[in-house]
Amino acid sequence: MTQGPGGPTRARAATEERSGSRRDRERPPAPEPLPHPVVDNHCHLDIADGDDWFSTDDALAAASAVGVPRIVQIGCDLPGARWAVEAAATYDALVAGVALHPNEAPRQAAAGTLDEAMAEIEALARTHDKVRAIGETGLDHFRTGEDGRAAQVESFRRHIDLARRLDKTLVIHDRDAHEEVLRVLDEEGAPDRWVMHCFSGDAAFARQCLDRGAHLSFAGTVTFKNAQPLRDALLVVPRDRVLVETDAPFLTPTPYRGRPNASYLVPHTVRAMAEVRGDDLEALCAAVDANTEAAFGGSW
C-alpha cells in the first residue's frame, strides 16, 4: 500500500467527555457495513488523540471496509494544511480543505503573522485540484474571548473571500456564534457552496442556514442523549442538503462516546440519523454520498 505523509503533525487531546481508564480508551469495534457508500466530509487524520494514532493507511482501510471509502481531510493551521494537501495528493480516497481555524487566527494576529499565514493558505489552495475546500474557518465564542474575536472575524471574512475567488467550498466552524456567523456571511456574500460543519444549532437556526444555501453536516453529537435540539434540526433538513462527518478523532458517536473516533465509525451516526428522520437507510446513504459530491465540487 502506498505510504502517505508521516505521523501526526501535532498531538491534541480530545475535548469530549471520557473516562480515564485504559479500557475506555480502546478503539471501538467495527460496525456493520453500510448498504451504500457515504463520505466522511470532515476528518483530521493528522491529529493524534493520545498515544494511539491511527495511521492514514489503517484509517482508510478500516473506513472503506464499512462503506466509507472517501474522506475530506481538513487542515486547521499551517502544519495541518500542508499535511492535508500532501495527503490528498498521495491518496485517491482523500480531498483536502485548508484554512486557519477560528482559534488559530487570533494567535497568528497576535504574532503579527496573519497576512503571511493567509498568503500560505491561498498558495496551498491553488496547489492541487484536490484541494476542494477553504475551511474550517468561522467563529468560536467558546474558546476565544472578546480580545480575540476581532481577529476571528477578520480571518473569517478573508476566508470567505478566498473561497469565492477560487470557487472552493467554504467549511464553517460555528461554536456559540450562530447569529454572528450569519451576519458576517450576509455582509460578505456566501460562496456558491458552503457547509456548516458539525452543525450545532436548533431547527430555527437550521432553517436560516438552509435559506442561505447551506449543506448541514451532522457529527456523532447527533447521537448524544442531550442533543434533542440537534435531532429536531436534522428533521427539517431536506434530504438533498444533509451530510455526515466524524470530526475525528473527536465527537465519537454513542455508544462509544469518549473513545477515539475515526471514519470507520460513521455508520453509527448514519444509522442514528436514518432512525431520527424515518428514512430508509440505503436511500439516506445514497443521498449523503451524492450531496457530498455536490457540496465539494464533484467526485474524486
C-alpha atoms as a PDB file:
ATOM      1  CA  MET A   1       0.000   0.000   0.000  1.00  0.00           C
ATOM      2  CA  THR A   2       1.221   3.491  -0.824  1.00  0.00           C
ATOM      3  CA  GLN A   3       2.767   5.228   2.128  1.00  0.00           C
ATOM      4  CA  GLY A   4       1.485   8.719   2.698  1.00  0.00           C
ATOM      5  CA  PRO A   5       2.678  11.585   4.860  1.00  0.00           C
ATOM      6  CA  GLY A   6       4.277  10.761   8.176  1.00  0.00           C
ATOM      7  CA  GLY A   7       2.759  10.703  11.623  1.00  0.00           C
ATOM      8  CA  PRO A   8       0.534  13.378  13.126  1.00  0.00           C
ATOM      9  CA  THR A   9       1.752  16.936  12.817  1.00  0.00           C
ATOM     10  CA  ARG A  10       0.743  17.579  16.389  1.00  0.00           C
ATOM     11  CA  ALA A  11      -0.991  15.780  19.218  1.00  0.00           C
ATOM     12  CA  ARG A  12      -4.153  17.242  20.640  1.00  0.00           C
ATOM     13  CA  ALA A  13      -6.241  15.830  23.456  1.00  0.00           C
ATOM     14  CA  ALA A  14      -9.902  15.227  22.630  1.00  0.00           C
ATOM     15  CA  THR A  15     -12.204  17.637  24.426  1.00  0.00           C
ATOM     16  CA  GLU A  16     -15.238  15.361  24.659  1.00  0.00           C
ATOM     17  CA  GLU A  17     -16.125  13.539  27.877  1.00  0.00           C
ATOM     18  CA  ARG A  18     -14.175  10.395  28.521  1.00  0.00           C
ATOM     19  CA  SER A  19     -13.192   8.017  31.264  1.00  0.00           C
ATOM     20  CA  GLY A  20      -9.571   7.850  32.282  1.00  0.00           C
ATOM     21  CA  SER A  21      -9.497   4.058  32.204  1.00  0.00           C
ATOM     22  CA  ARG A  22      -7.385   2.284  29.634  1.00  0.00           C
ATOM     23  CA  ARG A  23     -10.291   0.052  28.697  1.00  0.00           C
ATOM     24  CA  ASP A  24     -12.499   3.011  27.799  1.00  0.00           C
ATOM     25  CA  ARG A  25      -9.786   4.429  25.528  1.00  0.00           C
ATOM     26  CA  GLU A  26      -9.613   1.347  23.324  1.00  0.00           C
ATOM     27  CA  ARG A  27     -10.721   1.720  19.735  1.00  0.00           C
ATOM     28  CA  PRO A  28     -14.344   0.627  19.281  1.00  0.00           C
ATOM     29  CA  PRO A  29     -15.060  -2.458  17.158  1.00  0.00           C
ATOM     30  CA  ALA A  30     -16.026  -2.013  13.528  1.00  0.00           C
ATOM     31  CA  PRO A  31     -19.776  -1.587  12.965  1.00  0.00           C
ATOM     32  CA  GLU A  32     -21.835  -3.427  10.394  1.00  0.00           C
ATOM     33  CA  PRO A  33     -21.077  -2.035   6.915  1.00  0.00           C
ATOM     34  CA  LEU A  34     -23.487   0.422   5.354  1.00  0.00           C
ATOM     35  CA  PRO A  35     -25.668  -0.695   2.431  1.00  0.00           C
ATOM     36  CA  HIS A  36     -24.401   2.174   0.255  1.00  0.00           C
ATOM     37  CA  PRO A  37     -21.130   4.136   0.497  1.00  0.00           C
ATOM     38  CA  VAL A  38     -21.015   7.553   2.163  1.00  0.00           C
ATOM     39  CA  VAL A  39     -18.306  10.196   2.540  1.00  0.00           C
ATOM     40  CA  ASP A  40     -16.887  11.433   5.834  1.00  0.00           C
ATOM     41  CA  ASN A  41     -16.798  15.102   4.884  1.00  0.00           C
ATOM     42  CA  HIS A  42     -14.750  16.336   7.848  1.00  0.00           C
ATOM     43  CA  CYS A  43     -11.866  14.447   9.418  1.00  0.00           C
ATOM     44  CA  HIS A  44      -8.464  15.197  10.962  1.00  0.00           C
ATOM     45  CA  LEU A  45      -6.314  12.189  10.138  1.00  0.00           C
ATOM     46  CA  ASP A  46      -3.201  14.076  11.214  1.00  0.00           C
ATOM     47  CA  ILE A  47      -4.309  14.700  14.800  1.00  0.00           C
ATOM     48  CA  ALA A  48      -3.450  12.088  17.405  1.00  0.00           C
ATOM     49  CA  ASP A  49      -5.890  11.506  20.230  1.00  0.00           C
ATOM     50  CA  GLY A  50      -3.470  10.395  22.923  1.00  0.00           C
ATOM     51  CA  ASP A  51      -0.803   7.811  22.143  1.00  0.00           C
ATOM     52  CA  ASP A  52      -2.853   5.589  19.832  1.00  0.00           C
ATOM     53  CA  TRP A  53      -2.506   7.242  16.427  1.00  0.00           C
ATOM     54  CA  PHE A  54      -4.366   5.537  13.591  1.00  0.00           C
ATOM     55  CA  SER A  55      -2.060   5.590  10.556  1.00  0.00           C
ATOM     56  CA  THR A  56      -3.552   7.024   7.385  1.00  0.00           C
ATOM     57  CA  ASP A  57      -3.360   3.645   5.642  1.00  0.00           C
ATOM     58  CA  ASP A  58      -5.100   1.875   8.515  1.00  0.00           C
ATOM     59  CA  ALA A  59      -7.734   4.587   8.900  1.00  0.00           C
ATOM     60  CA  LEU A  60      -8.619   4.492   5.205  1.00  0.00           C
ATOM     61  CA  ALA A  61      -8.731   0.703   5.091  1.00  0.00           C
ATOM     62  CA  ALA A  62     -10.956   0.474   8.170  1.00  0.00           C
ATOM     63  CA  ALA A  63     -13.320   3.110   6.818  1.00  0.00           C
ATOM     64  CA  SER A  64     -13.583   1.585   3.363  1.00  0.00           C
ATOM     65  CA  ALA A  65     -14.389  -1.819   4.856  1.00  0.00           C
ATOM     66  CA  VAL A  66     -17.610  -0.464   6.408  1.00  0.00           C
ATOM     67  CA  GLY A  67     -18.757   1.677   3.477  1.00  0.00           C
ATOM     68  CA  VAL A  68     -16.865   4.944   3.979  1.00  0.00           C
ATOM     69  CA  PRO A  69     -14.405   4.904   1.066  1.00  0.00           C
ATOM     70  CA  ARG A  70     -13.800   8.662   0.783  1.00  0.00           C
ATOM     71  CA  ILE A  71     -12.843  11.371   3.280  1.00  0.00           C
ATOM     72  CA  VAL A  72     -12.374  15.141   3.278  1.00  0.00           C
ATOM     73  CA  GLN A  73      -9.186  15.830   5.244  1.00  0.00           C
ATOM     74  CA  ILE A  74      -9.316  19.210   6.967  1.00  0.00           C
ATOM     75  CA  GLY A  75      -6.267  21.282   7.912  1.00  0.00           C
ATOM     76  CA  CYS A  76      -6.750  23.792  10.748  1.00  0.00           C
ATOM     77  CA  ASP A  77      -3.375  25.542  10.905  1.00  0.00           C
ATOM     78  CA  LEU A  78      -0.367  25.835   8.632  1.00  0.00           C
ATOM     79  CA  PRO A  79       1.213  22.443   9.504  1.00  0.00           C
ATOM     80  CA  GLY A  80      -2.194  20.776   9.223  1.00  0.00           C
ATOM     81  CA  ALA A  81      -2.979  22.488   5.926  1.00  0.00           C
ATOM     82  CA  ARG A  82       0.352  21.414   4.445  1.00  0.00           C
ATOM     83  CA  TRP A  83      -0.284  17.864   5.643  1.00  0.00           C
ATOM     84  CA  ALA A  84      -3.792  17.843   4.147  1.00  0.00           C
ATOM     85  CA  VAL A  85      -2.520  18.882   0.724  1.00  0.00           C
ATOM     86  CA  GLU A  86       0.238  16.262   0.793  1.00  0.00           C
ATOM     87  CA  ALA A  87      -2.181  13.551   1.934  1.00  0.00           C
ATOM     88  CA  ALA A  88      -4.764  14.410  -0.741  1.00  0.00           C
ATOM     89  CA  ALA A  89      -2.060  14.276  -3.399  1.00  0.00           C
ATOM     90  CA  THR A  90      -0.971  10.866  -2.107  1.00  0.00           C
ATOM     91  CA  TYR A  91      -4.291   9.090  -1.551  1.00  0.00           C
ATOM     92  CA  ASP A  92      -7.077   8.728  -4.107  1.00  0.00           C
ATOM     93  CA  ALA A  93      -9.602   8.469  -1.257  1.00  0.00           C
ATOM     94  CA  LEU A  94      -8.877  11.968   0.057  1.00  0.00           C
ATOM     95  CA  VAL A  95      -9.546  15.557  -0.859  1.00  0.00           C
ATOM     96  CA  ALA A  96      -8.404  18.469   1.286  1.00  0.00           C
ATOM     97  CA  GLY A  97      -9.636  21.579   2.998  1.00  0.00           C
ATOM     98  CA  VAL A  98      -7.164  24.246   4.129  1.00  0.00           C
ATOM     99  CA  ALA A  99      -7.648  27.196   6.483  1.00  0.00           C
ATOM    100  CA  LEU A 100      -6.778  28.824   9.762  1.00  0.00           C
ATOM    101  CA  HIS A 101      -9.165  27.564  12.431  1.00  0.00           C
ATOM    102  CA  PRO A 102     -11.006  30.413  14.188  1.00  0.00           C
ATOM    103  CA  ASN A 103      -9.000  29.678  17.327  1.00  0.00           C
ATOM    104  CA  GLU A 104      -5.754  29.767  15.341  1.00  0.00           C
ATOM    105  CA  ALA A 105      -6.448  33.139  13.717  1.00  0.00           C
ATOM    106  CA  PRO A 106      -6.090  35.217  16.928  1.00  0.00           C
ATOM    107  CA  ARG A 107      -2.739  33.538  17.642  1.00  0.00           C
ATOM    108  CA  GLN A 108      -1.485  34.481  14.182  1.00  0.00           C
ATOM    109  CA  ALA A 109      -2.812  38.014  14.569  1.00  0.00           C
ATOM    110  CA  ALA A 110      -1.163  38.433  17.973  1.00  0.00           C
ATOM    111  CA  ALA A 111       2.141  37.293  16.492  1.00  0.00           C
ATOM    112  CA  GLY A 112       1.791  39.715  13.573  1.00  0.00           C
ATOM    113  CA  THR A 113       1.777  36.837  11.064  1.00  0.00           C
ATOM    114  CA  LEU A 114      -1.860  36.689   9.931  1.00  0.00           C
ATOM    115  CA  ASP A 115      -1.143  38.176   6.499  1.00  0.00           C
ATOM    116  CA  GLU A 116       1.724  35.764   5.921  1.00  0.00           C
ATOM    117  CA  ALA A 117      -0.326  32.801   7.111  1.00  0.00           C
ATOM    118  CA  MET A 118      -3.278  33.700   4.885  1.00  0.00           C
ATOM    119  CA  ALA A 119      -0.938  34.043   1.913  1.00  0.00           C
ATOM    120  CA  GLU A 120       0.282  30.496   2.510  1.00  0.00           C
ATOM    121  CA  ILE A 121      -3.274  29.182   2.851  1.00  0.00           C
ATOM    122  CA  GLU A 122      -4.100  30.751  -0.520  1.00  0.00           C
ATOM    123  CA  ALA A 123      -0.972  29.284  -2.105  1.00  0.00           C
ATOM    124  CA  LEU A 124      -1.862  25.830  -0.770  1.00  0.00           C
ATOM    125  CA  ALA A 125      -5.441  26.178  -2.024  1.00  0.00           C
ATOM    126  CA  ARG A 126      -4.089  26.842  -5.520  1.00  0.00           C
ATOM    127  CA  THR A 127      -1.583  23.957  -5.396  1.00  0.00           C
ATOM    128  CA  HIS A 128      -3.696  20.970  -6.333  1.00  0.00           C
ATOM    129  CA  ASP A 129      -7.152  20.367  -7.775  1.00  0.00           C
ATOM    130  CA  LYS A 130      -7.863  18.017  -4.867  1.00  0.00           C
ATOM    131  CA  VAL A 131      -7.921  20.989  -2.509  1.00  0.00           C
ATOM    132  CA  ARG A 132     -11.688  21.362  -2.634  1.00  0.00           C
ATOM    133  CA  ALA A 133     -12.414  23.458   0.421  1.00  0.00           C
ATOM    134  CA  ILE A 134     -11.456  26.563   2.351  1.00  0.00           C
ATOM    135  CA  GLY A 135     -12.036  25.509   5.906  1.00  0.00           C
ATOM    136  CA  GLU A 136     -12.509  25.081   8.600  1.00  0.00           C
ATOM    137  CA  THR A 137     -12.923  28.768   9.234  1.00  0.00           C
ATOM    138  CA  GLY A 138     -15.608  30.663  11.090  1.00  0.00           C
ATOM    139  CA  LEU A 139     -16.193  31.896  14.632  1.00  0.00           C
ATOM    140  CA  ASP A 140     -15.760  30.333  18.069  1.00  0.00           C
ATOM    141  CA  HIS A 141     -17.086  32.199  21.084  1.00  0.00           C
ATOM    142  CA  PHE A 142     -16.466  29.248  23.393  1.00  0.00           C
ATOM    143  CA  ARG A 143     -12.671  29.068  23.371  1.00  0.00           C
ATOM    144  CA  THR A 144     -11.784  32.586  22.228  1.00  0.00           C
ATOM    145  CA  GLY A 145     -12.697  35.548  24.414  1.00  0.00           C
ATOM    146  CA  GLU A 146     -13.544  39.108  23.483  1.00  0.00           C
ATOM    147  CA  ASP A 147      -9.912  40.081  22.953  1.00  0.00           C
ATOM    148  CA  GLY A 148      -9.513  37.636  20.063  1.00  0.00           C
ATOM    149  CA  ARG A 149     -12.855  37.969  18.344  1.00  0.00           C
ATOM    150  CA  ALA A 150     -11.977  40.852  16.033  1.00  0.00           C
ATOM    151  CA  ALA A 151      -9.152  38.733  14.616  1.00  0.00           C
ATOM    152  CA  GLN A 152     -11.557  35.834  14.173  1.00  0.00           C
ATOM    153  CA  VAL A 153     -13.968  37.986  12.219  1.00  0.00           C
ATOM    154  CA  GLU A 154     -11.189  39.398  10.038  1.00  0.00           C
ATOM    155  CA  SER A 155      -9.882  35.909   9.325  1.00  0.00           C
ATOM    156  CA  PHE A 156     -13.386  34.607   8.583  1.00  0.00           C
ATOM    157  CA  ARG A 157     -14.020  37.432   6.109  1.00  0.00           C
ATOM    158  CA  ARG A 158     -10.737  36.712   4.335  1.00  0.00           C
ATOM    159  CA  HIS A 159     -11.504  33.011   4.098  1.00  0.00           C
ATOM    160  CA  ILE A 160     -14.949  33.740   2.643  1.00  0.00           C
ATOM    161  CA  ASP A 161     -13.338  35.985   0.038  1.00  0.00           C
ATOM    162  CA  LEU A 162     -10.773  33.295  -0.776  1.00  0.00           C
ATOM    163  CA  ALA A 163     -13.457  30.638  -1.238  1.00  0.00           C
ATOM    164  CA  ARG A 164     -15.387  32.941  -3.547  1.00  0.00           C
ATOM    165  CA  ARG A 165     -12.339  33.925  -5.618  1.00  0.00           C
ATOM    166  CA  LEU A 166     -11.079  30.356  -6.029  1.00  0.00           C
ATOM    167  CA  ASP A 167     -14.519  28.742  -6.379  1.00  0.00           C
ATOM    168  CA  LYS A 168     -13.878  26.468  -3.409  1.00  0.00           C
ATOM    169  CA  THR A 169     -16.346  25.137  -0.859  1.00  0.00           C
ATOM    170  CA  LEU A 170     -16.449  27.125   2.377  1.00  0.00           C
ATOM    171  CA  VAL A 171     -16.425  24.940   5.516  1.00  0.00           C
ATOM    172  CA  ILE A 172     -17.634  26.791   8.606  1.00  0.00           C
ATOM    173  CA  HIS A 173     -16.853  26.145  12.258  1.00  0.00           C
ATOM    174  CA  ASP A 174     -19.512  27.753  14.431  1.00  0.00           C
ATOM    175  CA  ARG A 175     -19.381  27.395  18.188  1.00  0.00           C
ATOM    176  CA  ASP A 176     -21.688  29.571  20.275  1.00  0.00           C
ATOM    177  CA  ALA A 177     -21.649  32.174  17.493  1.00  0.00           C
ATOM    178  CA  HIS A 178     -24.704  31.400  15.345  1.00  0.00           C
ATOM    179  CA  GLU A 179     -26.017  34.897  14.744  1.00  0.00           C
ATOM    180  CA  GLU A 180     -22.617  36.490  14.128  1.00  0.00           C
ATOM    181  CA  VAL A 181     -21.660  33.753  11.659  1.00  0.00           C
ATOM    182  CA  LEU A 182     -24.775  34.540   9.629  1.00  0.00           C
ATOM    183  CA  ARG A 183     -24.193  38.291   9.934  1.00  0.00           C
ATOM    184  CA  VAL A 184     -20.669  38.026   8.512  1.00  0.00           C
ATOM    185  CA  LEU A 185     -21.848  35.672   5.775  1.00  0.00           C
ATOM    186  CA  ASP A 186     -24.620  38.056   4.799  1.00  0.00           C
ATOM    187  CA  GLU A 187     -22.241  41.005   4.709  1.00  0.00           C
ATOM    188  CA  GLU A 188     -19.617  39.191   2.636  1.00  0.00           C
ATOM    189  CA  GLY A 189     -21.902  37.061   0.488  1.00  0.00           C
ATOM    190  CA  ALA A 190     -21.729  33.295   0.849  1.00  0.00           C
ATOM    191  CA  PRO A 191     -19.941  31.279  -1.841  1.00  0.00           C
ATOM    192  CA  ASP A 192     -21.978  29.050  -4.121  1.00  0.00           C
ATOM    193  CA  ARG A 193     -21.116  26.020  -1.970  1.00  0.00           C
ATOM    194  CA  TRP A 194     -20.824  26.135   1.797  1.00  0.00           C
ATOM    195  CA  VAL A 195     -21.055  23.601   4.595  1.00  0.00           C
ATOM    196  CA  MET A 196     -21.972  24.153   8.223  1.00  0.00           C
ATOM    197  CA  HIS A 197     -19.541  21.684   9.785  1.00  0.00           C
ATOM    198  CA  CYS A 198     -20.667  19.767  12.881  1.00  0.00           C
ATOM    199  CA  PHE A 199     -23.995  21.573  12.878  1.00  0.00           C
ATOM    200  CA  SER A 200     -24.823  22.583  16.451  1.00  0.00           C
ATOM    201  CA  GLY A 201     -27.951  24.691  16.219  1.00  0.00           C
ATOM    202  CA  ASP A 202     -31.659  24.073  16.598  1.00  0.00           C
ATOM    203  CA  ALA A 203     -34.369  23.748  13.952  1.00  0.00           C
ATOM    204  CA  ALA A 204     -34.834  27.513  13.612  1.00  0.00           C
ATOM    205  CA  PHE A 205     -31.134  28.092  13.011  1.00  0.00           C
ATOM    206  CA  ALA A 206     -31.064  25.176  10.563  1.00  0.00           C
ATOM    207  CA  ARG A 207     -33.775  26.880   8.513  1.00  0.00           C
ATOM    208  CA  GLN A 208     -31.782  30.134   8.495  1.00  0.00           C
ATOM    209  CA  CYS A 209     -28.737  28.323   7.144  1.00  0.00           C
ATOM    210  CA  LEU A 210     -30.759  26.369   4.597  1.00  0.00           C
ATOM    211  CA  ASP A 211     -32.396  29.569   3.347  1.00  0.00           C
ATOM    212  CA  ARG A 212     -28.875  30.825   2.546  1.00  0.00           C
ATOM    213  CA  GLY A 213     -27.982  27.677   0.576  1.00  0.00           C
ATOM    214  CA  ALA A 214     -26.015  25.684   3.153  1.00  0.00           C
ATOM    215  CA  HIS A 215     -25.412  21.978   3.382  1.00  0.00           C
ATOM    216  CA  LEU A 216     -25.663  20.909   7.028  1.00  0.00           C
ATOM    217  CA  SER A 217     -23.234  18.295   8.297  1.00  0.00           C
ATOM    218  CA  PHE A 218     -24.024  16.156  11.340  1.00  0.00           C
ATOM    219  CA  ALA A 219     -21.412  14.502  13.530  1.00  0.00           C
ATOM    220  CA  GLY A 220     -21.551  11.992  16.390  1.00  0.00           C
ATOM    221  CA  THR A 221     -23.101  14.705  18.573  1.00  0.00           C
ATOM    222  CA  VAL A 222     -26.478  13.936  16.987  1.00  0.00           C
ATOM    223  CA  THR A 223     -26.415  10.617  18.890  1.00  0.00           C
ATOM    224  CA  PHE A 224     -25.793  12.181  22.322  1.00  0.00           C
ATOM    225  CA  LYS A 225     -28.606  11.949  24.882  1.00  0.00           C
ATOM    226  CA  ASN A 226     -28.671  15.704  25.495  1.00  0.00           C
ATOM    227  CA  ALA A 227     -28.854  16.604  21.794  1.00  0.00           C
ATOM    228  CA  GLN A 228     -32.617  16.677  21.149  1.00  0.00           C
ATOM    229  CA  PRO A 229     -32.483  20.205  19.617  1.00  0.00           C
ATOM    230  CA  LEU A 230     -29.912  18.868  17.166  1.00  0.00           C
ATOM    231  CA  ARG A 231     -32.167  15.946  16.252  1.00  0.00           C
ATOM    232  CA  ASP A 232     -35.025  18.410  15.798  1.00  0.00           C
ATOM    233  CA  ALA A 233     -32.790  20.347  13.395  1.00  0.00           C
ATOM    234  CA  LEU A 234     -31.984  17.165  11.474  1.00  0.00           C
ATOM    235  CA  LEU A 235     -35.692  16.666  10.839  1.00  0.00           C
ATOM    236  CA  VAL A 236     -36.040  19.968   8.948  1.00  0.00           C
ATOM    237  CA  VAL A 237     -33.071  19.408   6.614  1.00  0.00           C
ATOM    238  CA  PRO A 238     -34.124  18.326   3.106  1.00  0.00           C
ATOM    239  CA  ARG A 239     -32.619  15.032   2.056  1.00  0.00           C
ATOM    240  CA  ASP A 240     -30.570  16.774  -0.645  1.00  0.00           C
ATOM    241  CA  ARG A 241     -28.785  19.047   1.887  1.00  0.00           C
ATOM    242  CA  VAL A 242     -27.723  16.620   4.619  1.00  0.00           C
ATOM    243  CA  LEU A 243     -24.128  15.454   5.153  1.00  0.00           C
ATOM    244  CA  VAL A 244     -22.346  13.278   7.709  1.00  0.00           C
ATOM    245  CA  GLU A 245     -18.929  13.620   9.326  1.00  0.00           C
ATOM    246  CA  THR A 246     -16.790  12.421  12.186  1.00  0.00           C
ATOM    247  CA  ASP A 247     -14.609  15.427  13.078  1.00  0.00           C
ATOM    248  CA  ALA A 248     -12.311  12.549  14.110  1.00  0.00           C
ATOM    249  CA  PRO A 249     -10.576  11.953  16.394  1.00  0.00           C
ATOM    250  CA  PHE A 250     -13.245  13.909  18.302  1.00  0.00           C
ATOM    251  CA  LEU A 251     -17.000  13.549  18.885  1.00  0.00           C
ATOM    252  CA  THR A 252     -17.233   9.760  18.846  1.00  0.00           C
ATOM    253  CA  PRO A 253     -20.860   8.664  18.474  1.00  0.00           C
ATOM    254  CA  THR A 254     -22.872   6.769  21.036  1.00  0.00           C
ATOM    255  CA  PRO A 255     -22.379   4.049  22.308  1.00  0.00           C
ATOM    256  CA  TYR A 256     -18.621   4.788  22.245  1.00  0.00           C
ATOM    257  CA  ARG A 257     -18.570   8.425  23.324  1.00  0.00           C
ATOM    258  CA  GLY A 258     -15.205   9.194  24.910  1.00  0.00           C
ATOM    259  CA  ARG A 259     -13.186   6.695  22.901  1.00  0.00           C
ATOM    260  CA  PRO A 260     -11.050   7.672  19.891  1.00  0.00           C
ATOM    261  CA  ASN A 261     -13.105   8.469  16.816  1.00  0.00           C
ATOM    262  CA  ALA A 262     -12.295   7.569  13.215  1.00  0.00           C
ATOM    263  CA  SER A 263     -14.112   7.445   9.886  1.00  0.00           C
ATOM    264  CA  TYR A 264     -14.959   3.751  10.243  1.00  0.00           C
ATOM    265  CA  LEU A 265     -17.461   4.755  12.968  1.00  0.00           C
ATOM    266  CA  VAL A 266     -19.580   6.862  10.583  1.00  0.00           C
ATOM    267  CA  PRO A 267     -22.142   4.019  10.251  1.00  0.00           C
ATOM    268  CA  HIS A 268     -23.242   4.578  13.852  1.00  0.00           C
ATOM    269  CA  THR A 269     -24.057   8.205  13.102  1.00  0.00           C
ATOM    270  CA  VAL A 270     -25.748   7.478   9.778  1.00  0.00           C
ATOM    271  CA  ARG A 271     -27.939   4.792  11.292  1.00  0.00           C
ATOM    272  CA  ALA A 272     -28.980   7.153  14.086  1.00  0.00           C
ATOM    273  CA  MET A 273     -29.749   9.857  11.529  1.00  0.00           C
ATOM    274  CA  ALA A 274     -31.920   7.489   9.474  1.00  0.00           C
ATOM    275  CA  GLU A 275     -33.820   6.457  12.590  1.00  0.00           C
ATOM    276  CA  VAL A 276     -34.453  10.063  13.655  1.00  0.00           C
ATOM    277  CA  ARG A 277     -35.622  11.038  10.176  1.00  0.00           C
ATOM    278  CA  GLY A 278     -37.594   7.871   9.490  1.00  0.00           C
ATOM    279  CA  ASP A 279     -35.545   7.397   6.326  1.00  0.00           C
ATOM    280  CA  ASP A 280     -34.668   4.168   4.616  1.00  0.00           C
ATOM    281  CA  LEU A 281     -31.002   3.639   5.479  1.00  0.00           C
ATOM    282  CA  GLU A 282     -29.817   2.838   1.968  1.00  0.00           C
ATOM    283  CA  ALA A 283     -31.713   5.791   0.491  1.00  0.00           C
ATOM    284  CA  LEU A 284     -30.224   8.161   3.067  1.00  0.00           C
ATOM    285  CA  CYS A 285     -26.716   6.832   2.419  1.00  0.00           C
ATOM    286  CA  ALA A 286     -27.139   7.338  -1.333  1.00  0.00           C
ATOM    287  CA  ALA A 287     -28.362  10.883  -0.735  1.00  0.00           C
ATOM    288  CA  VAL A 288     -25.484  11.741   1.605  1.00  0.00           C
ATOM    289  CA  ASP A 289     -22.999  10.395  -0.931  1.00  0.00           C
ATOM    290  CA  ALA A 290     -24.486  12.478  -3.755  1.00  0.00           C
ATOM    291  CA  ASN A 291     -24.818  15.541  -1.527  1.00  0.00           C
ATOM    292  CA  THR A 292     -21.155  15.420  -0.588  1.00  0.00           C
ATOM    293  CA  GLU A 293     -20.124  15.449  -4.226  1.00  0.00           C
ATOM    294  CA  ALA A 294     -22.440  18.393  -4.846  1.00  0.00           C
ATOM    295  CA  ALA A 295     -21.153  20.248  -1.800  1.00  0.00           C
ATOM    296  CA  PHE A 296     -17.462  19.676  -2.565  1.00  0.00           C
ATOM    297  CA  GLY A 297     -17.468  20.191  -6.302  1.00  0.00           C
ATOM    298  CA  GLY A 298     -17.669  16.720  -7.799  1.00  0.00           C
ATOM    299  CA  SER A 299     -16.369  13.200  -7.387  1.00  0.00           C
ATOM    300  CA  TRP A 300     -12.869  12.033  -6.557  1.00  0.00           C
END
